[in-house]
Amino acid sequence: MNRILITTSTLAAGLLFFFHPGATAEEKSHFKAGAAVADISPDVFPFQLRSGPSKYVHDPISVRALAFENGADNRALIAIIDAIGIGREMADEAKAVVAEKTGWDPESILIAATHAHTTPKGGDTSPGRIAYEKKRREGLAEAMLKAIESLEPAKVGFGSDEEPSEVRNRRNFYEEGTSSTRNPWGGYDKVRMNGGTKGIIKPAGPIDPEVCVVDVRTGRGNQPLGLLANYALHYVGGIPSVTEKDGKVRGMASADYFGEFARVMPYRMSSRPPEGFVAMMSNGASGDINNIPFGIERAPRAPFEQCRIVANKTADAAWRAIRKIESYDSSPVIATRQREVTLTYRKPTEAEVEKALKLLELTREEREAIHKKTTNYARHTIRFAEPESPGTEDVIVQAFRIGDQAIVSMPFEVLVEIGLEIKEKSPAPRTFLIELANGSYGYLPPPNQVELGGYETWLGTSRFEKHSSDVLVKELLEMLRDLWGQG
């Protein structure tokens, strides 16, 4: 059963205010915006990466925030953290800190992770992890508070362009026998993720090449203040490593192409980067999208080169999108909606549990001969079948309106078809989805992709019932219609 927690109702700011006859356009506008960035690069060593302990930082790890206000009851704040994901508990805690210090409604705040795989891990099991946990939590609140503190008269424009050359659907159909589609349970799927070049027939889904931008300018002087971009592409990887004297290879912390985009984008705005300007890249519906060139001949890349290529291409697309903007709104509607939706966890059948138990009776070598992930996914099956395993989960979805731009969020790695469906059905002139927002609950495939199988649909990787995406899309479209007066 779905339930609405609180709806932050807002109207077009400016329509309810009375102005003295000689007021200027700037005096009439109550719209303000603010942008800020907090450096959360680790400073206690070693810290923990997915690849193991490290003391090397390749490029800054950051939180970036953009705040919008058109009157005290018309607010929205979007924060993007360089992290593989963000748990709901951390997001809720950061929102509560901001709410306590500023009075901003927590439901007007969206916090999302970029899903960069080379960002440090927090936790409580080592000095490095403990220190980093503290630093990223403090940095998250710091960036949001500074964005609110820096609010100033502003205007905002919206645009988009395309960059199709760096997005590929990583789920493919293969010729029978040329590339194994065997799954961890010993059966066969209809598609495979990143299955290699040989035998590819066609992708199992589409791509979304759109680069969307929300371009915020100062009210006076038209100077760049902040920019939020959105692109449906997984992390890129290829981050340099360091070989130590003892021969051990250590990974380096990196914000991937998301951080590089933020570094490059100011130069697209001006040959002399504007002081205080903050650019950020959010991750769209990219659960099945990467840029590994299966079936395409591409020259080898140097470490970090592909991150730079993607960052430069998306920055160019953002620049083209900005050049298309014909007008900037100095009194945009700022409105948000949030719902907490109850989703049902998948429960294995008795036959699936029996199969998993039999697999776990095999030797490790025998399980790995079936699939290298057989042990993990057999254990996932058993865990999800246990009586104490939760039956439902309440997840947050949000819909924001910033002028003519709709921004929706889901706490999942969202497969691209879901984002495209929302764009197609949205009542807004422009719409994009930010994934891994306000929580991280694994992959969210649409029902047709569940039928095909593959990594993104396996129990454990994908935790909720088959039609969960339909439930969430319905909720988001209802909120969007409400925001656009079609409820």
Protein backbone atom coordinates (compact mmCIF):
# COMPACT_ATOMS: atom_id res chain seq x y z
CA MET A 1 0.00 0.00 0.00
CA ASN A 2 1.34 3.43 -0.94
CA ARG A 3 1.02 6.44 1.32
CA ILE A 4 1.77 10.11 0.85
CA LEU A 5 3.76 11.58 3.70
CA ILE A 6 3.73 15.34 3.20
CA THR A 7 3.15 17.36 0.07
CA THR A 8 4.95 20.68 -0.11
CA SER A 9 2.33 22.72 -1.93
CA THR A 10 3.57 25.75 -3.84
CA LEU A 11 2.18 28.22 -6.33
CA ALA A 12 3.86 30.34 -8.94
CA ALA A 13 5.81 32.84 -6.89
CA GLY A 14 5.22 36.40 -7.96
CA LEU A 15 1.49 35.93 -8.68
CA LEU A 16 0.59 36.45 -5.03
CA PHE A 17 2.67 39.57 -4.42
CA PHE A 18 1.68 43.23 -4.87
CA PHE A 19 4.34 45.63 -6.06
CA HIS A 20 4.61 49.41 -5.91
CA PRO A 21 4.06 51.07 -9.31
CA GLY A 22 7.68 51.92 -10.01
CA ALA A 23 9.24 48.60 -8.99
CA THR A 24 11.95 47.21 -11.23
CA ALA A 25 11.88 43.64 -12.57
CA GLU A 26 14.59 42.66 -10.10
CA GLU A 27 12.67 44.17 -7.18
CA LYS A 28 9.55 42.28 -8.24
CA SER A 29 11.31 38.94 -8.37
CA HIS A 30 11.72 36.97 -5.18
CA PHE A 31 13.69 34.21 -6.91
CA LYS A 32 17.08 33.48 -5.45
CA ALA A 33 19.60 30.74 -5.99
CA GLY A 34 22.82 29.65 -4.34
CA ALA A 35 25.53 27.13 -5.14
CA ALA A 36 28.31 25.60 -3.07
CA VAL A 37 30.85 22.81 -3.05
CA ALA A 38 32.50 20.96 -0.15
CA ASP A 39 35.70 18.95 -0.56
CA ILE A 40 35.31 15.54 1.09
CA SER A 41 38.57 13.99 -0.15
CA PRO A 42 39.95 11.58 2.45
CA ASP A 43 42.68 12.89 4.74
CA VAL A 44 43.19 9.92 7.08
CA PHE A 45 45.23 7.09 5.55
CA PRO A 46 44.83 4.40 4.53
CA PHE A 47 41.23 4.78 3.47
CA GLN A 48 39.18 2.01 1.90
CA LEU A 49 38.30 1.65 -1.78
CA ARG A 50 36.46 -1.22 -3.48
CA SER A 51 39.90 -2.33 -4.68
CA GLY A 52 41.33 -2.35 -1.14
CA PRO A 53 43.24 0.00 1.20
CA SER A 54 44.81 3.07 -0.38
CA LYS A 55 46.46 6.38 0.48
CA TYR A 56 46.27 7.89 -2.99
CA VAL A 57 43.79 10.50 -4.25
CA HIS A 58 43.75 11.13 -7.98
CA ASP A 59 41.23 13.98 -8.07
CA PRO A 60 38.99 15.71 -5.51
CA ILE A 61 35.96 13.98 -4.02
CA SER A 62 33.18 16.50 -3.47
CA VAL A 63 29.62 17.35 -2.57
CA ARG A 64 27.97 19.99 -4.75
CA ALA A 65 24.69 21.70 -3.94
CA LEU A 66 22.30 24.05 -5.71
CA ALA A 67 19.52 25.82 -3.80
CA PHE A 68 16.42 27.52 -5.25
CA GLU A 69 14.02 29.84 -3.44
CA ASN A 70 11.06 31.92 -4.64
CA GLY A 71 9.57 32.90 -1.31
CA ALA A 72 9.84 31.10 2.03
CA ASP A 73 7.38 28.39 1.03
CA ASN A 74 8.80 27.76 -2.43
CA ARG A 75 12.13 26.06 -2.05
CA ALA A 76 14.17 23.24 -3.53
CA LEU A 77 17.69 22.01 -2.92
CA ILE A 78 19.63 19.42 -4.91
CA ALA A 79 22.90 17.96 -3.62
CA ILE A 80 25.13 15.56 -5.56
CA ILE A 81 27.75 13.58 -3.66
CA ASP A 82 30.67 11.75 -5.25
CA ALA A 83 29.88 8.28 -3.92
CA ILE A 84 28.89 4.87 -5.20
CA GLY A 85 25.61 5.28 -3.34
CA ILE A 86 24.00 6.99 -0.39
CA GLY A 87 21.98 5.19 2.25
CA ARG A 88 18.65 6.61 3.28
CA GLU A 89 19.82 6.99 6.87
CA MET A 90 22.68 9.29 5.80
CA ALA A 91 20.44 11.32 3.51
CA ASP A 92 17.77 11.71 6.19
CA GLU A 93 20.37 12.77 8.76
CA ALA A 94 21.81 15.45 6.45
CA LYS A 95 18.36 16.79 5.63
CA ALA A 96 17.50 16.97 9.34
CA VAL A 97 20.65 19.00 10.04
CA VAL A 98 19.76 21.46 7.28
CA ALA A 99 16.14 21.66 8.43
CA GLU A 100 17.16 22.37 12.02
CA LYS A 101 19.60 25.12 11.06
CA THR A 102 17.61 26.79 8.27
CA GLY A 103 13.96 25.83 8.58
CA TRP A 104 13.93 24.31 5.09
CA ASP A 105 11.51 21.42 4.68
CA PRO A 106 13.45 18.12 4.40
CA GLU A 107 11.05 17.07 1.65
CA SER A 108 12.26 19.94 -0.50
CA ILE A 109 15.78 18.45 -0.48
CA LEU A 110 17.06 15.84 -2.94
CA ILE A 111 20.39 14.13 -2.23
CA ALA A 112 21.85 11.77 -4.83
CA ALA A 113 25.07 9.85 -5.40
CA THR A 114 26.99 9.87 -8.68
CA HIS A 115 27.72 6.12 -8.46
CA ALA A 116 31.44 6.63 -9.05
CA HIS A 117 33.01 3.28 -8.14
CA THR A 118 36.38 4.68 -7.03
CA THR A 119 35.17 6.83 -4.16
CA PRO A 120 36.20 5.95 -0.59
CA LYS A 121 34.07 3.89 1.74
CA GLY A 122 32.95 5.11 5.14
CA GLY A 123 32.10 2.90 8.10
CA ASP A 124 33.22 2.04 11.60
CA THR A 125 35.75 -0.74 11.14
CA SER A 126 39.06 1.12 10.74
CA PRO A 127 40.49 4.60 11.48
CA GLY A 128 40.39 5.52 7.78
CA ARG A 129 36.78 4.46 7.32
CA ILE A 130 35.66 6.07 10.58
CA ALA A 131 37.33 9.37 9.66
CA TYR A 132 35.89 9.32 6.16
CA GLU A 133 32.39 8.53 7.40
CA LYS A 134 32.56 11.62 9.58
CA LYS A 135 34.02 13.78 6.83
CA ARG A 136 31.46 12.91 4.17
CA ARG A 137 28.51 13.35 6.53
CA GLU A 138 29.80 16.74 7.64
CA GLY A 139 30.64 17.72 4.07
CA LEU A 140 27.18 16.82 2.84
CA ALA A 141 25.54 19.15 5.36
CA GLU A 142 28.20 21.81 4.79
CA ALA A 143 27.61 22.06 1.03
CA MET A 144 23.85 22.33 1.45
CA LEU A 145 24.06 24.94 4.21
CA LYS A 146 26.54 27.03 2.22
CA ALA A 147 24.28 26.88 -0.85
CA ILE A 148 21.41 28.24 1.23
CA GLU A 149 23.62 30.88 2.87
CA SER A 150 24.77 32.09 -0.56
CA LEU A 151 21.27 32.67 -1.95
CA GLU A 152 21.14 35.76 -4.16
CA PRO A 153 18.78 37.19 -6.81
CA ALA A 154 18.98 34.94 -9.85
CA LYS A 155 17.35 33.67 -13.02
CA VAL A 156 17.29 30.23 -14.56
CA GLY A 157 17.16 28.67 -18.00
CA PHE A 158 16.75 25.13 -19.28
CA GLY A 159 18.10 23.28 -22.28
CA SER A 160 19.36 19.99 -23.65
CA ASP A 161 21.49 18.52 -26.39
CA GLU A 162 22.65 15.02 -27.25
CA GLU A 163 25.86 13.05 -26.85
CA PRO A 164 25.10 9.58 -28.25
CA SER A 165 28.68 8.45 -28.91
CA GLU A 166 29.46 7.54 -25.28
CA VAL A 167 26.32 5.65 -24.24
CA ARG A 168 25.69 1.99 -25.02
CA ASN A 169 23.20 -0.47 -23.62
CA ARG A 170 25.32 -3.08 -21.90
CA ARG A 171 22.61 -5.78 -21.98
CA ASN A 172 22.75 -7.73 -25.25
CA PHE A 173 21.23 -10.70 -26.99
CA TYR A 174 23.87 -13.16 -28.21
CA GLU A 175 24.02 -15.89 -30.81
CA GLU A 176 23.40 -19.24 -29.21
CA GLY A 177 26.62 -20.89 -28.09
CA THR A 178 28.93 -17.98 -28.91
CA SER A 179 28.71 -16.24 -25.58
CA SER A 180 27.39 -17.95 -22.50
CA THR A 181 24.25 -16.49 -20.95
CA ARG A 182 24.40 -18.94 -18.08
CA ASN A 183 23.24 -17.54 -14.78
CA PRO A 184 24.42 -18.34 -11.22
CA TRP A 185 21.70 -20.94 -10.67
CA GLY A 186 22.83 -23.08 -13.59
CA GLY A 187 20.10 -21.94 -15.97
CA TYR A 188 20.30 -19.64 -18.98
CA ASP A 189 19.13 -16.07 -19.45
CA LYS A 190 18.03 -14.48 -22.70
CA VAL A 191 20.51 -11.60 -22.37
CA ARG A 192 23.86 -10.94 -20.76
CA MET A 193 25.49 -7.85 -19.34
CA ASN A 194 28.95 -7.01 -20.74
CA GLY A 195 29.20 -10.39 -22.41
CA GLY A 196 32.02 -9.49 -24.76
CA THR A 197 32.14 -8.80 -28.47
CA LYS A 198 31.75 -12.23 -30.01
CA GLY A 199 28.27 -13.23 -31.08
CA ILE A 200 26.39 -10.01 -30.26
CA ILE A 201 23.05 -9.88 -32.07
CA LYS A 202 21.60 -6.63 -30.77
CA PRO A 203 21.16 -4.60 -27.59
CA ALA A 204 18.35 -5.67 -25.29
CA GLY A 205 17.29 -2.08 -24.69
CA PRO A 206 17.63 1.53 -25.84
CA ILE A 207 19.90 4.41 -24.78
CA ASP A 208 19.15 7.97 -23.70
CA PRO A 209 21.72 10.34 -25.24
CA GLU A 210 20.21 13.55 -23.83
CA VAL A 211 22.37 15.90 -21.78
CA CYS A 212 19.99 18.13 -19.81
CA VAL A 213 21.02 21.36 -18.11
CA VAL A 214 19.56 23.72 -15.52
CA ASP A 215 21.60 26.91 -15.99
CA VAL A 216 21.43 29.44 -13.13
CA ARG A 217 22.64 33.01 -13.63
CA THR A 218 22.99 35.96 -11.28
CA GLY A 219 20.16 38.48 -11.34
CA ARG A 220 22.57 41.29 -12.03
CA GLY A 221 25.26 40.90 -14.65
CA ASN A 222 24.02 37.57 -16.00
CA GLN A 223 27.03 35.80 -14.53
CA PRO A 224 27.11 31.98 -14.27
CA LEU A 225 26.14 30.95 -10.74
CA GLY A 226 25.45 27.22 -10.91
CA LEU A 227 24.71 24.46 -13.38
CA LEU A 228 23.05 21.09 -12.88
CA ALA A 229 23.55 18.61 -15.72
CA ASN A 230 22.11 15.13 -16.18
CA TYR A 231 23.33 12.25 -18.37
CA ALA A 232 22.26 8.60 -18.39
CA LEU A 233 25.68 6.95 -18.18
CA HIS A 234 27.25 4.70 -15.55
CA TYR A 235 30.67 5.52 -14.17
CA VAL A 236 33.52 5.21 -16.72
CA GLY A 237 36.47 3.85 -14.71
CA GLY A 238 40.00 3.43 -15.98
CA ILE A 239 41.38 5.34 -12.98
CA PRO A 240 45.19 5.23 -12.56
CA SER A 241 46.77 2.98 -9.95
CA VAL A 242 50.02 3.19 -8.02
CA THR A 243 52.59 0.37 -7.78
CA GLU A 244 54.37 0.58 -4.47
CA LYS A 245 57.95 -0.45 -3.78
CA ASP A 246 56.87 -3.87 -2.56
CA GLY A 247 55.05 -4.48 -5.84
CA LYS A 248 51.54 -4.04 -4.45
CA VAL A 249 49.17 -2.20 -6.75
CA ARG A 250 46.95 0.35 -5.04
CA GLY A 251 43.92 2.05 -6.47
CA MET A 252 43.38 5.79 -6.41
CA ALA A 253 40.32 7.65 -5.19
CA SER A 254 38.52 9.46 -7.99
CA ALA A 255 35.20 11.13 -8.72
CA ASP A 256 35.30 9.63 -12.24
CA TYR A 257 33.86 11.65 -15.14
CA PHE A 258 31.38 13.38 -12.83
CA GLY A 259 34.21 15.22 -11.06
CA GLU A 260 36.04 15.93 -14.30
CA PHE A 261 32.87 17.43 -15.80
CA ALA A 262 32.63 19.77 -12.80
CA ARG A 263 36.26 20.80 -13.33
CA VAL A 264 35.93 21.36 -17.09
CA MET A 265 32.50 22.99 -17.28
CA PRO A 266 33.54 26.41 -15.89
CA TYR A 267 35.81 26.81 -18.93
CA ARG A 268 32.82 26.19 -21.21
CA MET A 269 31.08 29.11 -19.53
CA SER A 270 33.99 31.51 -20.01
CA SER A 271 37.67 31.50 -20.94
CA ARG A 272 38.14 32.93 -17.46
CA PRO A 273 36.10 30.63 -15.19
CA PRO A 274 33.56 32.64 -13.20
CA GLU A 275 34.40 32.93 -9.51
CA GLY A 276 32.11 30.91 -7.26
CA PHE A 277 30.43 29.07 -10.16
CA VAL A 278 29.54 25.46 -9.29
CA ALA A 279 28.86 22.84 -11.98
CA MET A 280 27.60 19.36 -11.16
CA MET A 281 26.73 16.25 -13.14
CA SER A 282 23.92 14.00 -11.91
CA ASN A 283 23.44 10.41 -13.03
CA GLY A 284 20.31 9.67 -15.06
CA ALA A 285 18.54 6.36 -15.64
CA SER A 286 21.72 4.45 -16.45
CA GLY A 287 21.39 1.07 -14.73
CA ASP A 288 22.03 -0.70 -18.03
CA ILE A 289 24.12 1.97 -19.76
CA ASN A 290 27.91 2.20 -20.02
CA ASN A 291 30.42 3.06 -22.73
CA ILE A 292 32.41 -0.15 -23.02
CA PRO A 293 32.89 -0.56 -26.78
CA PHE A 294 31.67 -4.13 -27.33
CA GLY A 295 31.30 -4.62 -31.05
CA ILE A 296 33.09 -1.32 -31.75
CA GLU A 297 36.77 -0.92 -32.56
CA ARG A 298 38.31 1.75 -30.34
CA ALA A 299 41.93 2.65 -29.72
CA PRO A 300 43.32 1.80 -26.28
CA ARG A 301 43.07 4.49 -23.61
CA ALA A 302 45.58 5.82 -21.10
CA PRO A 303 44.54 5.82 -17.44
CA PHE A 304 41.81 8.42 -16.82
CA GLU A 305 41.74 9.31 -20.53
CA GLN A 306 38.24 7.94 -21.07
CA CYS A 307 36.94 9.91 -18.06
CA ARG A 308 38.34 13.06 -19.64
CA ILE A 309 36.85 12.18 -23.03
CA VAL A 310 33.38 11.66 -21.57
CA ALA A 311 33.64 14.77 -19.40
CA ASN A 312 34.72 16.90 -22.35
CA LYS A 313 32.01 15.56 -24.62
CA THR A 314 29.26 16.07 -22.07
CA ALA A 315 30.60 19.54 -21.25
CA ASP A 316 30.48 20.35 -24.96
CA ALA A 317 26.89 19.07 -25.12
CA ALA A 318 26.01 21.17 -22.05
CA TRP A 319 27.56 24.21 -23.76
CA ARG A 320 25.47 23.56 -26.86
CA ALA A 321 22.38 23.17 -24.70
CA ILE A 322 23.05 26.50 -22.99
CA ARG A 323 23.43 28.25 -26.35
CA LYS A 324 19.92 27.07 -27.25
CA ILE A 325 18.33 28.76 -24.22
CA GLU A 326 16.30 31.66 -25.55
CA SER A 327 15.20 33.20 -22.26
CA TYR A 328 15.86 32.98 -18.54
CA ASP A 329 13.09 33.02 -15.95
CA SER A 330 13.59 35.48 -13.09
CA SER A 331 10.48 34.26 -11.23
CA PRO A 332 10.15 30.53 -11.86
CA VAL A 333 7.71 28.26 -10.10
CA ILE A 334 9.59 26.34 -7.40
CA ALA A 335 7.58 23.40 -6.14
CA THR A 336 8.28 19.93 -4.79
CA ARG A 337 6.39 16.75 -4.07
CA GLN A 338 7.52 13.69 -2.14
CA ARG A 339 5.92 10.33 -1.54
CA GLU A 340 7.01 7.37 0.51
CA VAL A 341 6.01 4.26 -1.40
CA THR A 342 5.84 0.76 0.03
CA LEU A 343 7.48 -1.84 -2.21
CA THR A 344 7.34 -5.60 -1.72
CA TYR A 345 10.49 -7.66 -1.62
CA ARG A 346 10.83 -10.65 -3.92
CA LYS A 347 10.41 -13.98 -2.14
CA PRO A 348 12.05 -17.11 -3.56
CA THR A 349 9.85 -20.09 -4.28
CA GLU A 350 10.40 -23.39 -2.48
CA ALA A 351 11.95 -24.79 -5.66
CA GLU A 352 14.38 -21.86 -5.85
CA VAL A 353 15.40 -22.33 -2.22
CA GLU A 354 15.91 -26.03 -2.76
CA LYS A 355 18.05 -25.33 -5.80
CA ALA A 356 20.16 -22.80 -3.87
CA LEU A 357 20.71 -25.29 -1.01
CA LYS A 358 21.88 -27.95 -3.45
CA LEU A 359 24.29 -25.50 -5.07
CA LEU A 360 25.79 -24.63 -1.70
CA GLU A 361 26.41 -28.34 -1.06
CA LEU A 362 28.80 -28.39 -4.02
CA THR A 363 32.48 -27.65 -3.65
CA ARG A 364 33.65 -24.12 -4.34
CA GLU A 365 35.29 -25.26 -7.55
CA GLU A 366 32.09 -26.93 -8.73
CA ARG A 367 30.07 -23.78 -8.02
CA GLU A 368 32.55 -21.58 -9.84
CA ALA A 369 32.41 -23.93 -12.82
CA ILE A 370 28.70 -23.10 -13.06
CA HIS A 371 29.19 -19.35 -12.64
CA LYS A 372 31.70 -17.24 -10.72
CA LYS A 373 28.83 -15.64 -8.79
CA THR A 374 26.96 -18.85 -7.93
CA THR A 375 27.98 -18.83 -4.26
CA ASN A 376 26.90 -15.23 -3.67
CA TYR A 377 23.54 -15.54 -5.40
CA ALA A 378 22.68 -18.89 -3.84
CA ARG A 379 23.24 -17.24 -0.47
CA HIS A 380 21.10 -14.26 -1.53
CA THR A 381 18.28 -16.69 -2.35
CA ILE A 382 18.49 -18.31 1.08
CA ARG A 383 18.67 -14.93 2.83
CA PHE A 384 15.60 -13.55 1.04
CA ALA A 385 13.65 -16.69 1.98
CA GLU A 386 14.37 -16.46 5.71
CA PRO A 387 11.34 -15.67 7.92
CA GLU A 388 13.07 -12.61 9.40
CA SER A 389 13.83 -11.20 5.94
CA PRO A 390 11.76 -8.00 5.50
CA GLY A 391 8.63 -8.28 3.40
CA THR A 392 8.37 -4.63 2.40
CA GLU A 393 10.42 -1.44 2.24
CA ASP A 394 9.32 2.19 2.23
CA VAL A 395 11.27 4.15 -0.39
CA ILE A 396 11.25 7.85 -1.23
CA VAL A 397 10.43 9.23 -4.67
CA GLN A 398 10.38 12.94 -5.45
CA ALA A 399 9.19 15.27 -8.18
CA PHE A 400 10.60 18.81 -8.35
CA ARG A 401 9.48 21.69 -10.53
CA ILE A 402 12.01 24.40 -11.31
CA GLY A 403 10.22 26.66 -13.79
CA ASP A 404 9.64 24.59 -16.94
CA GLN A 405 11.98 21.81 -15.79
CA ALA A 406 10.74 18.67 -14.06
CA ILE A 407 13.24 16.63 -12.05
CA VAL A 408 12.24 13.27 -10.61
CA SER A 409 14.23 10.90 -8.45
CA MET A 410 14.37 7.23 -7.50
CA PRO A 411 16.61 5.47 -4.95
CA PHE A 412 17.79 2.82 -7.43
CA GLU A 413 20.10 2.15 -10.32
CA VAL A 414 17.29 2.70 -12.79
CA LEU A 415 17.28 0.96 -16.17
CA VAL A 416 17.09 3.42 -19.03
CA GLU A 417 13.63 2.45 -20.32
CA ILE A 418 12.10 3.72 -17.08
CA GLY A 419 13.66 7.15 -17.46
CA LEU A 420 12.57 7.32 -21.10
CA GLU A 421 9.02 6.38 -20.18
CA ILE A 422 8.82 9.17 -17.62
CA LYS A 423 10.20 11.69 -20.11
CA GLU A 424 7.66 10.62 -22.70
CA LYS A 425 4.64 10.73 -20.38
CA SER A 426 5.57 13.76 -18.30
CA PRO A 427 3.32 16.83 -18.60
CA ALA A 428 6.37 19.08 -18.22
CA PRO A 429 8.14 20.65 -21.23
CA ARG A 430 11.41 19.16 -19.96
CA THR A 431 12.00 16.21 -17.66
CA PHE A 432 14.93 14.19 -16.39
CA LEU A 433 15.45 11.57 -13.70
CA ILE A 434 18.20 11.49 -11.07
CA GLU A 435 18.94 7.98 -9.84
CA LEU A 436 20.37 6.75 -6.53
CA ALA A 437 18.64 9.61 -4.68
CA ASN A 438 17.66 9.47 -1.00
CA GLY A 439 18.73 5.83 -0.71
CA SER A 440 20.36 2.96 -2.57
CA TYR A 441 18.36 -0.24 -3.09
CA GLY A 442 20.07 -1.94 -6.03
CA TYR A 443 18.79 -2.17 -9.59
CA LEU A 444 15.29 -1.31 -10.77
CA PRO A 445 14.46 -3.07 -14.06
CA PRO A 446 11.14 -2.72 -15.90
CA PRO A 447 9.03 -5.90 -16.14
CA ASN A 448 10.04 -6.70 -19.73
CA GLN A 449 13.71 -6.72 -18.76
CA VAL A 450 13.00 -8.94 -15.74
CA GLU A 451 11.64 -11.49 -18.22
CA LEU A 452 14.94 -11.45 -20.13
CA GLY A 453 17.11 -12.11 -17.07
CA GLY A 454 20.68 -10.92 -16.77
CA TYR A 455 22.73 -9.44 -13.94
CA GLU A 456 20.49 -6.42 -13.31
CA THR A 457 17.49 -8.69 -12.69
CA TRP A 458 18.97 -11.39 -10.45
CA LEU A 459 17.58 -11.81 -6.95
CA GLY A 460 19.94 -9.92 -4.67
CA THR A 461 20.96 -7.42 -7.33
CA SER A 462 17.29 -6.60 -7.92
CA ARG A 463 15.38 -6.89 -4.65
CA PHE A 464 11.77 -6.01 -5.33
CA GLU A 465 8.83 -7.55 -7.15
CA LYS A 466 8.63 -7.55 -10.92
CA HIS A 467 6.25 -4.62 -11.35
CA SER A 468 7.89 -2.30 -8.81
CA SER A 469 9.02 0.11 -11.52
CA ASP A 470 5.42 0.42 -12.75
CA VAL A 471 4.35 1.37 -9.22
CA LEU A 472 6.99 4.07 -8.89
CA VAL A 473 6.45 5.49 -12.38
CA LYS A 474 2.74 5.82 -11.65
CA GLU A 475 3.47 7.71 -8.42
CA LEU A 476 5.93 10.07 -10.10
CA LEU A 477 3.62 10.85 -13.01
CA GLU A 478 0.81 11.63 -10.58
CA MET A 479 3.07 14.07 -8.73
CA LEU A 480 4.18 15.69 -12.00
CA ARG A 481 0.58 16.17 -13.12
CA ASP A 482 -0.12 17.77 -9.76
CA LEU A 483 2.84 20.13 -10.15
CA TRP A 484 1.66 21.13 -13.61
CA GLY A 485 -1.95 21.62 -12.54
CA GLN A 486 -3.27 18.47 -14.17
CA GLY A 487 -4.06 16.52 -10.99
